[in-house]
PDB file of all heavy atoms in Angstrom:
ATOM      1  N   LEU A   1       0.829  -1.202   0.000  1.00  0.00           N
ATOM      2  CA  LEU A   1       0.000   0.000   0.000  1.00  0.00           C
ATOM      3  C   LEU A   1       0.863   1.251   0.000  1.00  0.00           C
ATOM      4  O   LEU A   1       0.585   2.220  -0.718  1.00  0.00           O
ATOM      5  CB  LEU A   1      -0.930  -0.008   1.218  1.00  0.00           C
ATOM      6  CG  LEU A   1      -2.007   1.083   1.268  1.00  0.00           C
ATOM      7  CD1 LEU A   1      -3.009   0.915   0.126  1.00  0.00           C
ATOM      8  CD2 LEU A   1      -2.735   1.043   2.618  1.00  0.00           C
ATOM      9  N   PHE A   2       1.936   1.225   0.790  1.00  0.00           N
ATOM     10  CA  PHE A   2       2.836   2.370   0.844  1.00  0.00           C
ATOM     11  C   PHE A   2       3.540   2.590  -0.494  1.00  0.00           C
ATOM     12  O   PHE A   2       3.786   3.730  -0.896  1.00  0.00           O
ATOM     13  CB  PHE A   2       3.874   2.177   1.951  1.00  0.00           C
ATOM     14  CG  PHE A   2       4.779   3.355   2.142  1.00  0.00           C
ATOM     15  CD1 PHE A   2       4.302   4.542   2.674  1.00  0.00           C
ATOM     16  CD2 PHE A   2       6.124   3.290   1.783  1.00  0.00           C
ATOM     17  CE1 PHE A   2       5.132   5.646   2.842  1.00  0.00           C
ATOM     18  CE2 PHE A   2       6.953   4.383   1.943  1.00  0.00           C
ATOM     19  CZ  PHE A   2       6.464   5.560   2.478  1.00  0.00           C
ATOM     20  N   SER A   3       3.862   1.505  -1.191  1.00  0.00           N
ATOM     21  CA  SER A   3       4.510   1.623  -2.500  1.00  0.00           C
ATOM     22  C   SER A   3       3.604   2.355  -3.483  1.00  0.00           C
ATOM     23  O   SER A   3       4.040   3.283  -4.184  1.00  0.00           O
ATOM     24  CB  SER A   3       4.857   0.237  -3.045  1.00  0.00           C
ATOM     25  OG  SER A   3       5.856  -0.377  -2.273  1.00  0.00           O
ATOM     26  N   GLU A   4       2.343   1.937  -3.552  1.00  0.00           N
ATOM     27  CA  GLU A   4       1.405   2.578  -4.473  1.00  0.00           C
ATOM     28  C   GLU A   4       1.090   4.007  -4.040  1.00  0.00           C
ATOM     29  O   GLU A   4       0.954   4.910  -4.866  1.00  0.00           O
ATOM     30  CB  GLU A   4       0.118   1.752  -4.577  1.00  0.00           C
ATOM     31  CG  GLU A   4       0.290   0.432  -5.305  1.00  0.00           C
ATOM     32  CD  GLU A   4       0.683   0.616  -6.762  1.00  0.00           C
ATOM     33  OE1 GLU A   4       0.270   1.612  -7.374  1.00  0.00           O
ATOM     34  OE2 GLU A   4       1.423  -0.233  -7.287  1.00  0.00           O
ATOM     35  N   PHE A   5       0.990   4.203  -2.743  1.00  0.00           N
ATOM     36  CA  PHE A   5       0.781   5.540  -2.184  1.00  0.00           C
ATOM     37  C   PHE A   5       1.932   6.473  -2.571  1.00  0.00           C
ATOM     38  O   PHE A   5       1.723   7.582  -3.067  1.00  0.00           O
ATOM     39  CB  PHE A   5       0.669   5.421  -0.661  1.00  0.00           C
ATOM     40  CG  PHE A   5       0.705   6.729   0.079  1.00  0.00           C
ATOM     41  CD1 PHE A   5      -0.461   7.411   0.364  1.00  0.00           C
ATOM     42  CD2 PHE A   5       1.917   7.260   0.510  1.00  0.00           C
ATOM     43  CE1 PHE A   5      -0.425   8.613   1.061  1.00  0.00           C
ATOM     44  CE2 PHE A   5       1.967   8.454   1.198  1.00  0.00           C
ATOM     45  CZ  PHE A   5       0.782   9.139   1.472  1.00  0.00           C
ATOM     46  N   SER A   6       3.151   5.993  -2.391  1.00  0.00           N
ATOM     47  CA  SER A   6       4.332   6.831  -2.628  1.00  0.00           C
ATOM     48  C   SER A   6       4.489   7.180  -4.104  1.00  0.00           C
ATOM     49  O   SER A   6       4.788   8.330  -4.456  1.00  0.00           O
ATOM     50  CB  SER A   6       5.588   6.115  -2.129  1.00  0.00           C
ATOM     51  OG  SER A   6       5.494   5.837  -0.757  1.00  0.00           O
ATOM     52  N   GLY A   7       4.329   6.184  -4.970  1.00  0.00           N
ATOM     53  CA  GLY A   7       4.478   6.439  -6.398  1.00  0.00           C
ATOM     54  C   GLY A   7       3.500   7.472  -6.907  1.00  0.00           C
ATOM     55  O   GLY A   7       3.865   8.367  -7.687  1.00  0.00           O
ATOM     56  N   THR A   8       2.256   7.373  -6.450  1.00  0.00           N
ATOM     57  CA  THR A   8       1.245   8.333  -6.910  1.00  0.00           C
ATOM     58  C   THR A   8       1.449   9.702  -6.278  1.00  0.00           C
ATOM     59  O   THR A   8       1.181  10.729  -6.905  1.00  0.00           O
ATOM     60  CB  THR A   8      -0.171   7.815  -6.591  1.00  0.00           C
ATOM     61  OG1 THR A   8      -0.261   6.442  -6.946  1.00  0.00           O
ATOM     62  CG2 THR A   8      -1.217   8.603  -7.356  1.00  0.00           C
ATOM     63  N   PHE A   9       1.942   9.729  -5.053  1.00  0.00           N
ATOM     64  CA  PHE A   9       2.266  11.013  -4.412  1.00  0.00           C
ATOM     65  C   PHE A   9       3.317  11.758  -5.236  1.00  0.00           C
ATOM     66  O   PHE A   9       3.172  12.956  -5.523  1.00  0.00           O
ATOM     67  CB  PHE A   9       2.777  10.770  -2.990  1.00  0.00           C
ATOM     68  CG  PHE A   9       3.261  12.014  -2.307  1.00  0.00           C
ATOM     69  CD1 PHE A   9       2.361  12.925  -1.769  1.00  0.00           C
ATOM     70  CD2 PHE A   9       4.620  12.282  -2.201  1.00  0.00           C
ATOM     71  CE1 PHE A   9       2.814  14.088  -1.145  1.00  0.00           C
ATOM     72  CE2 PHE A   9       5.078  13.427  -1.580  1.00  0.00           C
ATOM     73  CZ  PHE A   9       4.174  14.333  -1.045  1.00  0.00           C
ATOM     74  N   VAL A  10       4.363  11.045  -5.647  1.00  0.00           N
ATOM     75  CA  VAL A  10       5.401  11.664  -6.477  1.00  0.00           C
ATOM     76  C   VAL A  10       4.808  12.155  -7.796  1.00  0.00           C
ATOM     77  O   VAL A  10       5.085  13.275  -8.246  1.00  0.00           O
ATOM     78  CB  VAL A  10       6.553  10.675  -6.738  1.00  0.00           C
ATOM     79  CG1 VAL A  10       7.529  11.241  -7.761  1.00  0.00           C
ATOM     80  CG2 VAL A  10       7.274  10.344  -5.438  1.00  0.00           C
ATOM     81  N   LEU A  11       3.988  11.314  -8.420  1.00  0.00           N
ATOM     82  CA  LEU A  11       3.356  11.694  -9.685  1.00  0.00           C
ATOM     83  C   LEU A  11       2.556  12.976  -9.542  1.00  0.00           C
ATOM     84  O   LEU A  11       2.693  13.909 -10.345  1.00  0.00           O
ATOM     85  CB  LEU A  11       2.447  10.562 -10.171  1.00  0.00           C
ATOM     86  CG  LEU A  11       1.552  10.876 -11.382  1.00  0.00           C
ATOM     87  CD1 LEU A  11       2.399  11.118 -12.627  1.00  0.00           C
ATOM     88  CD2 LEU A  11       0.564   9.740 -11.614  1.00  0.00           C
ATOM     89  N   MET A  12       1.723  13.046  -8.514  1.00  0.00           N
ATOM     90  CA  MET A  12       0.830  14.201  -8.390  1.00  0.00           C
ATOM     91  C   MET A  12       1.548  15.464  -7.936  1.00  0.00           C
ATOM     92  O   MET A  12       1.177  16.570  -8.341  1.00  0.00           O
ATOM     93  CB  MET A  12      -0.316  13.873  -7.429  1.00  0.00           C
ATOM     94  CG  MET A  12      -1.363  12.945  -8.014  1.00  0.00           C
ATOM     95  SD  MET A  12      -1.924  13.441  -9.678  1.00  0.00           S
ATOM     96  CE  MET A  12      -2.464  15.125  -9.391  1.00  0.00           C
ATOM     97  N   VAL A  13       2.571  15.325  -7.110  1.00  0.00           N
ATOM     98  CA  VAL A  13       3.369  16.509  -6.756  1.00  0.00           C
ATOM     99  C   VAL A  13       3.968  17.111  -8.022  1.00  0.00           C
ATOM    100  O   VAL A  13       3.946  18.328  -8.231  1.00  0.00           O
ATOM    101  CB  VAL A  13       4.470  16.155  -5.740  1.00  0.00           C
ATOM    102  CG1 VAL A  13       5.477  17.292  -5.622  1.00  0.00           C
ATOM    103  CG2 VAL A  13       3.865  15.862  -4.375  1.00  0.00           C
ATOM    104  N   ALA A  14       4.465  16.241  -8.890  1.00  0.00           N
ATOM    105  CA  ALA A  14       5.047  16.717 -10.146  1.00  0.00           C
ATOM    106  C   ALA A  14       3.981  17.347 -11.040  1.00  0.00           C
ATOM    107  O   ALA A  14       4.203  18.405 -11.637  1.00  0.00           O
ATOM    108  CB  ALA A  14       5.730  15.563 -10.872  1.00  0.00           C
ATOM    109  N   VAL A  15       2.814  16.717 -11.119  1.00  0.00           N
ATOM    110  CA  VAL A  15       1.732  17.239 -11.967  1.00  0.00           C
ATOM    111  C   VAL A  15       1.286  18.616 -11.482  1.00  0.00           C
ATOM    112  O   VAL A  15       1.072  19.534 -12.282  1.00  0.00           O
ATOM    113  CB  VAL A  15       0.544  16.264 -11.996  1.00  0.00           C
ATOM    114  CG1 VAL A  15      -0.707  16.931 -12.585  1.00  0.00           C
ATOM    115  CG2 VAL A  15       0.895  15.025 -12.813  1.00  0.00           C
ATOM    116  N   PHE A  16       1.145  18.766 -10.169  1.00  0.00           N
ATOM    117  CA  PHE A  16       0.699  20.051  -9.625  1.00  0.00           C
ATOM    118  C   PHE A  16       1.674  21.187  -9.951  1.00  0.00           C
ATOM    119  O   PHE A  16       1.267  22.338 -10.096  1.00  0.00           O
ATOM    120  CB  PHE A  16       0.520  19.967  -8.106  1.00  0.00           C
ATOM    121  CG  PHE A  16      -0.811  19.435  -7.685  1.00  0.00           C
ATOM    122  CD1 PHE A  16      -0.906  18.295  -6.901  1.00  0.00           C
ATOM    123  CD2 PHE A  16      -1.986  20.061  -8.063  1.00  0.00           C
ATOM    124  CE1 PHE A  16      -2.135  17.802  -6.503  1.00  0.00           C
ATOM    125  CE2 PHE A  16      -3.219  19.582  -7.673  1.00  0.00           C
ATOM    126  CZ  PHE A  16      -3.300  18.447  -6.891  1.00  0.00           C
ATOM    127  N   TYR A  17       2.938  20.849 -10.061  1.00  0.00           N
ATOM    128  CA  TYR A  17       3.926  21.901 -10.267  1.00  0.00           C
ATOM    129  C   TYR A  17       4.517  21.923 -11.668  1.00  0.00           C
ATOM    130  O   TYR A  17       5.501  22.618 -11.915  1.00  0.00           O
ATOM    131  CB  TYR A  17       5.035  21.788  -9.211  1.00  0.00           C
ATOM    132  CG  TYR A  17       4.527  22.189  -7.853  1.00  0.00           C
ATOM    133  CD1 TYR A  17       4.117  21.224  -6.939  1.00  0.00           C
ATOM    134  CD2 TYR A  17       4.383  23.527  -7.507  1.00  0.00           C
ATOM    135  CE1 TYR A  17       3.595  21.584  -5.698  1.00  0.00           C
ATOM    136  CE2 TYR A  17       3.870  23.903  -6.279  1.00  0.00           C
ATOM    137  CZ  TYR A  17       3.482  22.928  -5.375  1.00  0.00           C
ATOM    138  OH  TYR A  17       2.964  23.294  -4.158  1.00  0.00           O
ATOM    139  N   LEU A  18       3.893  21.168 -12.595  1.00  0.00           N
ATOM    140  CA  LEU A  18       4.307  21.289 -13.987  1.00  0.00           C
ATOM    141  C   LEU A  18       3.991  22.690 -14.478  1.00  0.00           C
ATOM    142  O   LEU A  18       2.905  23.217 -14.260  1.00  0.00           O
ATOM    143  CB  LEU A  18       3.553  20.276 -14.868  1.00  0.00           C
ATOM    144  CG  LEU A  18       4.067  18.833 -14.855  1.00  0.00           C
ATOM    145  CD1 LEU A  18       3.170  17.967 -15.728  1.00  0.00           C
ATOM    146  CD2 LEU A  18       5.495  18.765 -15.381  1.00  0.00           C
ATOM    147  N   ALA A  19       4.918  23.302 -15.146  1.00  0.00           N
ATOM    148  CA  ALA A  19       4.717  24.649 -15.668  1.00  0.00           C
ATOM    149  C   ALA A  19       5.274  24.744 -17.070  1.00  0.00           C
ATOM    150  O   ALA A  19       6.360  24.232 -17.356  1.00  0.00           O
ATOM    151  CB  ALA A  19       5.393  25.689 -14.770  1.00  0.00           C
ATOM    152  N   GLY A  20       4.542  25.396 -17.933  1.00  0.00           N
ATOM    153  CA  GLY A  20       5.024  25.606 -19.284  1.00  0.00           C
ATOM    154  C   GLY A  20       6.045  26.730 -19.317  1.00  0.00           C
ATOM    155  O   GLY A  20       6.135  27.536 -18.389  1.00  0.00           O
ATOM    156  N   PRO A  21       6.846  26.803 -20.365  1.00  0.00           N
ATOM    157  CA  PRO A  21       7.824  27.888 -20.485  1.00  0.00           C
ATOM    158  C   PRO A  21       7.119  29.238 -20.633  1.00  0.00           C
ATOM    159  O   PRO A  21       6.057  29.324 -21.244  1.00  0.00           O
ATOM    160  CB  PRO A  21       8.602  27.523 -21.745  1.00  0.00           C
ATOM    161  CG  PRO A  21       7.664  26.672 -22.531  1.00  0.00           C
ATOM    162  CD  PRO A  21       6.869  25.904 -21.523  1.00  0.00           C
ATOM    163  N   GLU A  22       7.688  30.263 -20.078  1.00  0.00           N
ATOM    164  CA  GLU A  22       7.077  31.587 -20.106  1.00  0.00           C
ATOM    165  C   GLU A  22       7.986  32.582 -20.822  1.00  0.00           C
ATOM    166  O   GLU A  22       9.215  32.455 -20.800  1.00  0.00           O
ATOM    167  CB  GLU A  22       6.812  32.080 -18.675  1.00  0.00           C
ATOM    168  CG  GLU A  22       5.808  31.235 -17.912  1.00  0.00           C
ATOM    169  CD  GLU A  22       5.578  31.774 -16.514  1.00  0.00           C
ATOM    170  OE1 GLU A  22       6.397  32.605 -16.052  1.00  0.00           O
ATOM    171  OE2 GLU A  22       4.592  31.383 -15.899  1.00  0.00           O
ATOM    172  N   PHE A  23       7.348  33.571 -21.432  1.00  0.00           N
ATOM    173  CA  PHE A  23       8.066  34.677 -22.050  1.00  0.00           C
ATOM    174  C   PHE A  23       7.642  35.957 -21.339  1.00  0.00           C
ATOM    175  O   PHE A  23       6.453  36.243 -21.210  1.00  0.00           O
ATOM    176  CB  PHE A  23       7.731  34.777 -23.538  1.00  0.00           C
ATOM    177  CG  PHE A  23       8.270  36.017 -24.186  1.00  0.00           C
ATOM    178  CD1 PHE A  23       9.613  36.117 -24.508  1.00  0.00           C
ATOM    179  CD2 PHE A  23       7.438  37.102 -24.456  1.00  0.00           C
ATOM    180  CE1 PHE A  23      10.113  37.264 -25.096  1.00  0.00           C
ATOM    181  CE2 PHE A  23       7.938  38.255 -25.037  1.00  0.00           C
ATOM    182  CZ  PHE A  23       9.280  38.330 -25.364  1.00  0.00           C
ATOM    183  N   VAL A  24       8.605  36.691 -20.847  1.00  0.00           N
ATOM    184  CA  VAL A  24       8.315  37.945 -20.162  1.00  0.00           C
ATOM    185  C   VAL A  24       8.712  39.092 -21.073  1.00  0.00           C
ATOM    186  O   VAL A  24       9.881  39.224 -21.467  1.00  0.00           O
ATOM    187  CB  VAL A  24       9.081  38.041 -18.818  1.00  0.00           C
ATOM    188  CG1 VAL A  24       8.740  39.353 -18.123  1.00  0.00           C
ATOM    189  CG2 VAL A  24       8.754  36.840 -17.932  1.00  0.00           C
ATOM    190  N   SER A  25       7.747  39.933 -21.401  1.00  0.00           N
ATOM    191  CA  SER A  25       7.998  41.043 -22.311  1.00  0.00           C
ATOM    192  C   SER A  25       8.693  42.182 -21.577  1.00  0.00           C
ATOM    193  O   SER A  25       8.833  42.169 -20.343  1.00  0.00           O
ATOM    194  CB  SER A  25       6.676  41.537 -22.901  1.00  0.00           C
ATOM    195  OG  SER A  25       5.887  42.138 -21.886  1.00  0.00           O
ATOM    196  N   ALA A  26       9.115  43.194 -22.335  1.00  0.00           N
ATOM    197  CA  ALA A  26       9.785  44.357 -21.740  1.00  0.00           C
ATOM    198  C   ALA A  26       8.864  45.089 -20.772  1.00  0.00           C
ATOM    199  O   ALA A  26       9.325  45.739 -19.827  1.00  0.00           O
ATOM    200  CB  ALA A  26      10.248  45.293 -22.851  1.00  0.00           C
ATOM    201  N   SER A  27       7.556  44.999 -21.001  1.00  0.00           N
ATOM    202  CA  SER A  27       6.598  45.673 -20.124  1.00  0.00           C
ATOM    203  C   SER A  27       6.285  44.870 -18.867  1.00  0.00           C
ATOM    204  O   SER A  27       5.529  45.307 -18.012  1.00  0.00           O
ATOM    205  CB  SER A  27       5.294  45.943 -20.889  1.00  0.00           C
ATOM    206  OG  SER A  27       4.697  44.729 -21.298  1.00  0.00           O
ATOM    207  N   GLY A  28       6.847  43.652 -18.791  1.00  0.00           N
ATOM    208  CA  GLY A  28       6.622  42.825 -17.610  1.00  0.00           C
ATOM    209  C   GLY A  28       5.476  41.854 -17.740  1.00  0.00           C
ATOM    210  O   GLY A  28       5.204  41.083 -16.808  1.00  0.00           O
ATOM    211  N   GLU A  29       4.778  41.862 -18.876  1.00  0.00           N
ATOM    212  CA  GLU A  29       3.670  40.934 -19.072  1.00  0.00           C
ATOM    213  C   GLU A  29       4.213  39.532 -19.374  1.00  0.00           C
ATOM    214  O   GLU A  29       5.215  39.368 -20.077  1.00  0.00           O
ATOM    215  CB  GLU A  29       2.777  41.404 -20.216  1.00  0.00           C
ATOM    216  CG  GLU A  29       2.085  42.731 -19.934  1.00  0.00           C
ATOM    217  CD  GLU A  29       1.207  43.167 -21.093  1.00  0.00           C
ATOM    218  OE1 GLU A  29       1.270  42.511 -22.162  1.00  0.00           O
ATOM    219  OE2 GLU A  29       0.463  44.140 -20.937  1.00  0.00           O
ATOM    220  N   THR A  30       3.521  38.523 -18.816  1.00  0.00           N
ATOM    221  CA  THR A  30       3.960  37.134 -18.970  1.00  0.00           C
ATOM    222  C   THR A  30       3.014  36.381 -19.886  1.00  0.00           C
ATOM    223  O   THR A  30       1.800  36.496 -19.765  1.00  0.00           O
ATOM    224  CB  THR A  30       4.011  36.431 -17.598  1.00  0.00           C
ATOM    225  OG1 THR A  30       4.913  37.133 -16.752  1.00  0.00           O
ATOM    226  CG2 THR A  30       4.476  34.981 -17.746  1.00  0.00           C
ATOM    227  N   ALA A  31       3.573  35.593 -20.791  1.00  0.00           N
ATOM    228  CA  ALA A  31       2.768  34.764 -21.678  1.00  0.00           C
ATOM    229  C   ALA A  31       3.335  33.347 -21.675  1.00  0.00           C
ATOM    230  O   ALA A  31       4.558  33.154 -21.624  1.00  0.00           O
ATOM    231  CB  ALA A  31       2.786  35.314 -23.103  1.00  0.00           C
TER     232      ALA A  31
END
Protein backbone atom coordinates (compact mmCIF):
# COMPACT_ATOMS: atom_id res chain seq x y z
CA LEU A 1 0.00 0.00 0.00
CA PHE A 2 2.84 2.37 0.84
CA SER A 3 4.51 1.62 -2.50
CA GLU A 4 1.41 2.58 -4.47
CA PHE A 5 0.78 5.54 -2.18
CA SER A 6 4.33 6.83 -2.63
CA GLY A 7 4.48 6.44 -6.40
CA THR A 8 1.25 8.33 -6.91
CA PHE A 9 2.27 11.01 -4.41
CA VAL A 10 5.40 11.66 -6.48
CA LEU A 11 3.36 11.69 -9.68
CA MET A 12 0.83 14.20 -8.39
CA VAL A 13 3.37 16.51 -6.76
CA ALA A 14 5.05 16.72 -10.15
CA VAL A 15 1.73 17.24 -11.97
CA PHE A 16 0.70 20.05 -9.63
CA TYR A 17 3.93 21.90 -10.27
CA LEU A 18 4.31 21.29 -13.99
CA ALA A 19 4.72 24.65 -15.67
CA GLY A 20 5.02 25.61 -19.28
CA PRO A 21 7.82 27.89 -20.49
CA GLU A 22 7.08 31.59 -20.11
CA PHE A 23 8.07 34.68 -22.05
CA VAL A 24 8.32 37.94 -20.16
CA SER A 25 8.00 41.04 -22.31
CA ALA A 26 9.78 44.36 -21.74
CA SER A 27 6.60 45.67 -20.12
CA GLY A 28 6.62 42.82 -17.61
CA GLU A 29 3.67 40.93 -19.07
CA THR A 30 3.96 37.13 -18.97
CA ALA A 31 2.77 34.76 -21.68
